[in-house]
PDB file of N, CA and C in Angstrom:
ATOM      1  N   UNK A   1      28.706 -50.150 -96.711  1.00  0.00           N
ATOM      2  CA  UNK A   1      29.258 -48.971 -95.769  1.00  0.00           C
ATOM      3  C   UNK A   1      29.272 -49.939 -94.178  1.00  0.00           C
ATOM      4  N   UNK A   2      29.568 -49.608 -93.449  1.00  0.00           N
ATOM      5  CA  UNK A   2      28.832 -50.224 -92.047  1.00  0.00           C
ATOM      6  C   UNK A   2      28.823 -48.964 -91.176  1.00  0.00           C
ATOM      7  N   UNK A   3      27.857 -49.430 -90.306  1.00  0.00           N
ATOM      8  CA  UNK A   3      27.194 -48.239 -89.117  1.00  0.00           C
ATOM      9  C   UNK A   3      27.876 -47.785 -87.932  1.00  0.00           C
ATOM     10  N   UNK A   4      28.220 -46.540 -87.690  1.00  0.00           N
ATOM     11  CA  UNK A   4      28.953 -46.632 -86.550  1.00  0.00           C
ATOM     12  C   UNK A   4      28.174 -46.712 -85.674  1.00  0.00           C
ATOM     13  N   UNK A   5      26.989 -45.835 -85.690  1.00  0.00           N
ATOM     14  CA  UNK A   5      25.718 -45.473 -84.473  1.00  0.00           C
ATOM     15  C   UNK A   5      24.133 -46.099 -85.294  1.00  0.00           C
ATOM     16  N   UNK A   6      23.985 -47.099 -84.454  1.00  0.00           N
ATOM     17  CA  UNK A   6      22.450 -47.276 -84.954  1.00  0.00           C
ATOM     18  C   UNK A   6      21.526 -47.390 -83.987  1.00  0.00           C
ATOM     19  N   UNK A   7      20.341 -47.028 -83.903  1.00  0.00           N
ATOM     20  CA  UNK A   7      19.142 -46.615 -83.253  1.00  0.00           C
ATOM     21  C   UNK A   7      18.096 -47.333 -83.788  1.00  0.00           C
ATOM     22  N   UNK A   8      17.693 -48.222 -82.883  1.00  0.00           N
ATOM     23  CA  UNK A   8      16.297 -49.316 -83.292  1.00  0.00           C
ATOM     24  C   UNK A   8      15.056 -48.482 -82.335  1.00  0.00           C
ATOM     25  N   UNK A   9      13.940 -48.085 -82.792  1.00  0.00           N
ATOM     26  CA  UNK A   9      12.453 -47.872 -82.099  1.00  0.00           C
ATOM     27  C   UNK A   9      12.684 -47.560 -80.776  1.00  0.00           C
ATOM     28  N   UNK A  10      13.364 -46.388 -80.616  1.00  0.00           N
ATOM     29  CA  UNK A  10      13.784 -45.848 -79.381  1.00  0.00           C
ATOM     30  C   UNK A  10      12.599 -44.908 -78.653  1.00  0.00           C
ATOM     31  N   UNK A  11      12.403 -45.145 -77.561  1.00  0.00           N
ATOM     32  CA  UNK A  11      11.383 -44.444 -77.198  1.00  0.00           C
ATOM     33  C   UNK A  11      11.663 -44.010 -75.396  1.00  0.00           C
ATOM     34  N   UNK A  12      11.384 -42.702 -75.146  1.00  0.00           N
ATOM     35  CA  UNK A  12      11.617 -42.752 -73.795  1.00  0.00           C
ATOM     36  C   UNK A  12      10.552 -41.718 -73.252  1.00  0.00           C
ATOM     37  N   UNK A  13       9.905 -42.046 -72.103  1.00  0.00           N
ATOM     38  CA  UNK A  13       9.019 -41.702 -71.318  1.00  0.00           C
ATOM     39  C   UNK A  13       9.196 -41.209 -69.903  1.00  0.00           C
ATOM     40  N   UNK A  14       8.845 -40.098 -69.513  1.00  0.00           N
ATOM     41  CA  UNK A  14       9.089 -39.777 -68.264  1.00  0.00           C
ATOM     42  C   UNK A  14       7.871 -39.501 -67.775  1.00  0.00           C
ATOM     43  N   UNK A  15       7.666 -39.749 -66.354  1.00  0.00           N
ATOM     44  CA  UNK A  15       6.307 -39.005 -65.719  1.00  0.00           C
ATOM     45  C   UNK A  15       5.982 -37.786 -65.363  1.00  0.00           C
ATOM     46  N   UNK A  16       5.052 -36.649 -65.491  1.00  0.00           N
ATOM     47  CA  UNK A  16       4.507 -35.591 -64.674  1.00  0.00           C
ATOM     48  C   UNK A  16       4.667 -35.789 -63.178  1.00  0.00           C
ATOM     49  N   UNK A  17       5.390 -34.769 -62.376  1.00  0.00           N
ATOM     50  CA  UNK A  17       5.319 -35.171 -61.218  1.00  0.00           C
ATOM     51  C   UNK A  17       3.581 -34.638 -60.278  1.00  0.00           C
ATOM     52  N   UNK A  18       3.124 -34.109 -61.301  1.00  0.00           N
ATOM     53  CA  UNK A  18       2.051 -33.715 -60.036  1.00  0.00           C
ATOM     54  C   UNK A  18       0.931 -34.698 -60.571  1.00  0.00           C
ATOM     55  N   UNK A  19       0.499 -35.391 -61.937  1.00  0.00           N
ATOM     56  CA  UNK A  19      -0.379 -36.032 -62.600  1.00  0.00           C
ATOM     57  C   UNK A  19      -0.223 -37.826 -62.676  1.00  0.00           C
ATOM     58  N   UNK A  20       1.412 -37.346 -62.923  1.00  0.00           N
ATOM     59  CA  UNK A  20       1.695 -39.057 -62.636  1.00  0.00           C
ATOM     60  C   UNK A  20       1.809 -39.777 -64.442  1.00  0.00           C
ATOM     61  N   UNK A  21       0.933 -38.863 -65.015  1.00  0.00           N
ATOM     62  CA  UNK A  21       0.691 -39.400 -66.384  1.00  0.00           C
ATOM     63  C   UNK A  21       1.848 -39.334 -66.968  1.00  0.00           C
ATOM     64  N   UNK A  22       2.099 -40.797 -67.933  1.00  0.00           N
ATOM     65  CA  UNK A  22       3.640 -40.384 -69.007  1.00  0.00           C
ATOM     66  C   UNK A  22       3.827 -40.038 -70.151  1.00  0.00           C
ATOM     67  N   UNK A  23       4.601 -38.636 -70.272  1.00  0.00           N
ATOM     68  CA  UNK A  23       5.027 -37.954 -71.443  1.00  0.00           C
ATOM     69  C   UNK A  23       5.993 -39.102 -72.038  1.00  0.00           C
ATOM     70  N   UNK A  24       5.276 -38.408 -73.625  1.00  0.00           N
ATOM     71  CA  UNK A  24       5.870 -39.375 -74.400  1.00  0.00           C
ATOM     72  C   UNK A  24       7.428 -38.365 -74.897  1.00  0.00           C
ATOM     73  N   UNK A  25       8.534 -38.174 -74.964  1.00  0.00           N
ATOM     74  CA  UNK A  25       9.349 -37.261 -75.243  1.00  0.00           C
ATOM     75  C   UNK A  25      10.310 -37.489 -76.461  1.00  0.00           C
ATOM     76  N   UNK A  26      10.549 -38.954 -76.604  1.00  0.00           N
ATOM     77  CA  UNK A  26      11.105 -40.060 -77.980  1.00  0.00           C
ATOM     78  C   UNK A  26      10.082 -40.953 -78.635  1.00  0.00           C
ATOM     79  N   UNK A  27       9.304 -40.883 -79.591  1.00  0.00           N
ATOM     80  CA  UNK A  27       8.691 -41.712 -79.910  1.00  0.00           C
ATOM     81  C   UNK A  27       8.647 -42.374 -81.141  1.00  0.00           C
ATOM     82  N   UNK A  28       9.726 -43.491 -81.233  1.00  0.00           N
ATOM     83  CA  UNK A  28      10.007 -45.011 -81.887  1.00  0.00           C
ATOM     84  C   UNK A  28      10.937 -44.036 -83.078  1.00  0.00           C
ATOM     85  N   UNK A  29      12.124 -43.869 -82.491  1.00  0.00           N
ATOM     86  CA  UNK A  29      12.965 -43.154 -83.366  1.00  0.00           C
ATOM     87  C   UNK A  29      14.070 -44.049 -83.933  1.00  0.00           C
ATOM     88  N   UNK A  30      14.356 -44.367 -85.255  1.00  0.00           N
ATOM     89  CA  UNK A  30      15.705 -45.120 -85.965  1.00  0.00           C
ATOM     90  C   UNK A  30      16.155 -44.705 -86.602  1.00  0.00           C
ATOM     91  N   UNK A  31      17.690 -44.768 -86.841  1.00  0.00           N
ATOM     92  CA  UNK A  31      18.063 -44.434 -87.788  1.00  0.00           C
ATOM     93  C   UNK A  31      19.834 -45.510 -87.574  1.00  0.00           C
ATOM     94  N   UNK A  32      20.617 -45.149 -88.704  1.00  0.00           N
ATOM     95  CA  UNK A  32      21.919 -45.655 -88.724  1.00  0.00           C
ATOM     96  C   UNK A  32      22.872 -44.423 -89.411  1.00  0.00           C
ATOM     97  N   UNK A  33      23.973 -44.258 -89.207  1.00  0.00           N
ATOM     98  CA  UNK A  33      24.668 -43.528 -89.183  1.00  0.00           C
ATOM     99  C   UNK A  33      26.251 -44.144 -89.743  1.00  0.00           C
ATOM    100  N   UNK A  34      26.475 -44.004 -90.825  1.00  0.00           N
ATOM    101  CA  UNK A  34      27.398 -45.136 -91.996  1.00  0.00           C
ATOM    102  C   UNK A  34      28.686 -44.280 -91.226  1.00  0.00           C
ATOM    103  N   UNK A  35      29.829 -45.250 -91.103  1.00  0.00           N
ATOM    104  CA  UNK A  35      31.235 -44.554 -91.068  1.00  0.00           C
ATOM    105  C   UNK A  35      32.073 -43.757 -92.219  1.00  0.00           C
ATOM    106  N   UNK A  36      32.357 -42.596 -91.191  1.00  0.00           N
ATOM    107  CA  UNK A  36      33.088 -41.730 -92.564  1.00  0.00           C
ATOM    108  C   UNK A  36      31.758 -40.225 -93.022  1.00  0.00           C
ATOM    109  N   UNK A  37      30.743 -40.244 -92.552  1.00  0.00           N
ATOM    110  CA  UNK A  37      29.404 -40.148 -92.991  1.00  0.00           C
ATOM    111  C   UNK A  37      29.201 -38.665 -91.911  1.00  0.00           C
ATOM    112  N   UNK A  38      28.937 -37.930 -92.074  1.00  0.00           N
ATOM    113  CA  UNK A  38      27.952 -36.508 -91.125  1.00  0.00           C
ATOM    114  C   UNK A  38      26.435 -36.700 -90.987  1.00  0.00           C
ATOM    115  N   UNK A  39      26.201 -36.607 -89.600  1.00  0.00           N
ATOM    116  CA  UNK A  39      25.079 -36.240 -89.883  1.00  0.00           C
ATOM    117  C   UNK A  39      24.637 -35.418 -88.562  1.00  0.00           C
ATOM    118  N   UNK A  40      23.288 -34.345 -89.009  1.00  0.00           N
ATOM    119  CA  UNK A  40      22.703 -33.066 -88.422  1.00  0.00           C
ATOM    120  C   UNK A  40      22.015 -33.835 -87.908  1.00  0.00           C
ATOM    121  N   UNK A  41      21.105 -33.648 -86.238  1.00  0.00           N
ATOM    122  CA  UNK A  41      19.792 -33.843 -85.579  1.00  0.00           C
ATOM    123  C   UNK A  41      19.240 -32.174 -85.261  1.00  0.00           C
ATOM    124  N   UNK A  42      18.041 -32.200 -86.611  1.00  0.00           N
ATOM    125  CA  UNK A  42      17.621 -30.828 -85.853  1.00  0.00           C
ATOM    126  C   UNK A  42      15.975 -30.822 -85.779  1.00  0.00           C
ATOM    127  N   UNK A  43      15.821 -30.138 -84.888  1.00  0.00           N
ATOM    128  CA  UNK A  43      14.614 -29.814 -84.275  1.00  0.00           C
ATOM    129  C   UNK A  43      14.092 -28.475 -83.559  1.00  0.00           C
ATOM    130  N   UNK A  44      13.128 -28.412 -83.340  1.00  0.00           N
ATOM    131  CA  UNK A  44      12.238 -27.458 -82.265  1.00  0.00           C
ATOM    132  C   UNK A  44      12.756 -27.299 -81.131  1.00  0.00           C
ATOM    133  N   UNK A  45      13.083 -26.639 -80.609  1.00  0.00           N
ATOM    134  CA  UNK A  45      13.078 -26.437 -78.742  1.00  0.00           C
ATOM    135  C   UNK A  45      12.158 -27.480 -78.157  1.00  0.00           C
ATOM    136  N   UNK A  46      12.469 -28.394 -77.087  1.00  0.00           N
ATOM    137  CA  UNK A  46      11.801 -29.331 -76.706  1.00  0.00           C
ATOM    138  C   UNK A  46      11.736 -30.293 -77.495  1.00  0.00           C
ATOM    139  N   UNK A  47      12.081 -30.368 -78.793  1.00  0.00           N
ATOM    140  CA  UNK A  47      11.436 -31.983 -79.263  1.00  0.00           C
ATOM    141  C   UNK A  47      12.917 -32.955 -79.285  1.00  0.00           C
ATOM    142  N   UNK A  48      13.326 -33.028 -77.929  1.00  0.00           N
ATOM    143  CA  UNK A  48      14.063 -34.078 -77.775  1.00  0.00           C
ATOM    144  C   UNK A  48      15.421 -34.298 -78.478  1.00  0.00           C
ATOM    145  N   UNK A  49      16.149 -33.391 -79.014  1.00  0.00           N
ATOM    146  CA  UNK A  49      17.552 -33.605 -79.237  1.00  0.00           C
ATOM    147  C   UNK A  49      18.342 -33.791 -78.063  1.00  0.00           C
ATOM    148  N   UNK A  50      18.507 -33.306 -77.183  1.00  0.00           N
ATOM    149  CA  UNK A  50      19.454 -33.325 -76.460  1.00  0.00           C
ATOM    150  C   UNK A  50      19.245 -34.759 -75.605  1.00  0.00           C
ATOM    151  N   UNK A  51      17.957 -35.225 -75.543  1.00  0.00           N
ATOM    152  CA  UNK A  51      17.272 -36.162 -74.551  1.00  0.00           C
ATOM    153  C   UNK A  51      18.248 -37.548 -75.638  1.00  0.00           C
ATOM    154  N   UNK A  52      17.888 -37.722 -77.011  1.00  0.00           N
ATOM    155  CA  UNK A  52      18.366 -38.550 -77.871  1.00  0.00           C
ATOM    156  C   UNK A  52      20.149 -38.649 -77.230  1.00  0.00           C
ATOM    157  N   UNK A  53      20.466 -37.235 -77.415  1.00  0.00           N
ATOM    158  CA  UNK A  53      22.243 -37.227 -77.206  1.00  0.00           C
ATOM    159  C   UNK A  53      22.690 -37.723 -75.815  1.00  0.00           C
ATOM    160  N   UNK A  54      21.538 -37.576 -74.786  1.00  0.00           N
ATOM    161  CA  UNK A  54      21.785 -38.211 -73.565  1.00  0.00           C
ATOM    162  C   UNK A  54      21.599 -39.632 -73.640  1.00  0.00           C
ATOM    163  N   UNK A  55      20.896 -39.962 -74.282  1.00  0.00           N
ATOM    164  CA  UNK A  55      20.868 -41.854 -74.234  1.00  0.00           C
ATOM    165  C   UNK A  55      21.820 -41.904 -75.603  1.00  0.00           C
ATOM    166  N   UNK A  56      22.169 -41.585 -76.053  1.00  0.00           N
ATOM    167  CA  UNK A  56      23.474 -41.945 -77.179  1.00  0.00           C
ATOM    168  C   UNK A  56      24.792 -42.143 -76.171  1.00  0.00           C
ATOM    169  N   UNK A  57      24.858 -41.173 -74.887  1.00  0.00           N
ATOM    170  CA  UNK A  57      26.734 -41.742 -74.457  1.00  0.00           C
ATOM    171  C   UNK A  57      25.920 -42.699 -73.063  1.00  0.00           C
ATOM    172  N   UNK A  58      24.711 -42.700 -72.537  1.00  0.00           N
ATOM    173  CA  UNK A  58      24.837 -43.643 -71.298  1.00  0.00           C
ATOM    174  C   UNK A  58      24.165 -42.661 -70.286  1.00  0.00           C
ATOM    175  N   UNK A  59      23.784 -41.395 -70.195  1.00  0.00           N
ATOM    176  CA  UNK A  59      23.680 -40.572 -69.237  1.00  0.00           C
ATOM    177  C   UNK A  59      21.929 -41.132 -68.835  1.00  0.00           C
ATOM    178  N   UNK A  60      21.539 -41.423 -69.772  1.00  0.00           N
ATOM    179  CA  UNK A  60      19.874 -41.969 -69.414  1.00  0.00           C
ATOM    180  C   UNK A  60      19.561 -43.355 -69.876  1.00  0.00           C
ATOM    181  N   UNK A  61      18.843 -43.527 -69.726  1.00  0.00           N
ATOM    182  CA  UNK A  61      18.373 -45.154 -70.404  1.00  0.00           C
ATOM    183  C   UNK A  61      17.150 -45.094 -71.097  1.00  0.00           C
ATOM    184  N   UNK A  62      16.636 -45.654 -72.207  1.00  0.00           N
ATOM    185  CA  UNK A  62      15.631 -45.362 -73.167  1.00  0.00           C
ATOM    186  C   UNK A  62      14.738 -46.249 -72.578  1.00  0.00           C
ATOM    187  N   UNK A  63      13.057 -46.201 -72.641  1.00  0.00           N
ATOM    188  CA  UNK A  63      11.874 -46.725 -71.872  1.00  0.00           C
ATOM    189  C   UNK A  63      12.082 -48.291 -73.116  1.00  0.00           C
ATOM    190  N   UNK A  64      12.197 -47.612 -74.109  1.00  0.00           N
ATOM    191  CA  UNK A  64      12.418 -49.090 -75.089  1.00  0.00           C
ATOM    192  C   UNK A  64      13.422 -48.631 -76.260  1.00  0.00           C
ATOM    193  N   UNK A  65      13.818 -49.491 -76.717  1.00  0.00           N
ATOM    194  CA  UNK A  65      14.429 -49.818 -78.316  1.00  0.00           C
ATOM    195  C   UNK A  65      15.737 -49.494 -77.527  1.00  0.00           C
ATOM    196  N   UNK A  66      16.845 -50.011 -78.738  1.00  0.00           N
ATOM    197  CA  UNK A  66      18.096 -49.523 -78.208  1.00  0.00           C
ATOM    198  C   UNK A  66      19.193 -48.736 -79.093  1.00  0.00           C
ATOM    199  N   UNK A  67      20.322 -48.565 -78.365  1.00  0.00           N
ATOM    200  CA  UNK A  67      21.161 -47.417 -79.448  1.00  0.00           C
ATOM    201  C   UNK A  67      22.819 -48.109 -79.481  1.00  0.00           C
ATOM    202  N   UNK A  68      23.475 -48.606 -80.418  1.00  0.00           N
ATOM    203  CA  UNK A  68      24.822 -48.992 -80.515  1.00  0.00           C
ATOM    204  C   UNK A  68      25.420 -48.074 -80.668  1.00  0.00           C
ATOM    205  N   UNK A  69      26.670 -47.869 -80.155  1.00  0.00           N
ATOM    206  CA  UNK A  69      27.764 -47.099 -80.984  1.00  0.00           C
ATOM    207  C   UNK A  69      28.734 -47.961 -81.294  1.00  0.00           C
ATOM    208  N   UNK A  70      29.222 -48.131 -82.478  1.00  0.00           N
ATOM    209  CA  UNK A  70      30.732 -49.149 -82.893  1.00  0.00           C
ATOM    210  C   UNK A  70      30.263 -50.793 -82.463  1.00  0.00           C
ATOM    211  N   UNK A  71      28.864 -51.268 -82.666  1.00  0.00           N
ATOM    212  CA  UNK A  71      28.362 -52.659 -82.215  1.00  0.00           C
ATOM    213  C   UNK A  71      28.044 -52.627 -80.332  1.00  0.00           C
ATOM    214  N   UNK A  72      28.712 -51.967 -80.012  1.00  0.00           N
ATOM    215  CA  UNK A  72      28.211 -51.955 -78.297  1.00  0.00           C
ATOM    216  C   UNK A  72      26.951 -51.385 -77.697  1.00  0.00           C
ATOM    217  N   UNK A  73      26.254 -52.208 -76.972  1.00  0.00           N
ATOM    218  CA  UNK A  73      24.950 -51.581 -76.968  1.00  0.00           C
ATOM    219  C   UNK A  73      25.123 -50.763 -75.506  1.00  0.00           C
TER     220      UNK A  73
END
C-alpha cells in the first residue's frame, strides 16, 4: 500500500527567550500512514502533538527532517 503521509527524522527545536538555550520539542520522529488507514496521535500535555500537526500542515518548519503529504514536501 502507498503512504499518504510520510514523516522522516523530524526534529523541532526552539530557543528559550531568557537564556537562549535550545529546547527540543520534537525528537527524531519517523512514521508512515498508509492510504485508507486510521492513525491516532496520543501523548501527555506538552508532548508535541500540536507542534507535529502544525509542521504537517506547513504552519511551522522543522529544524531538520521532512514531512510529505501525498508525495509533496
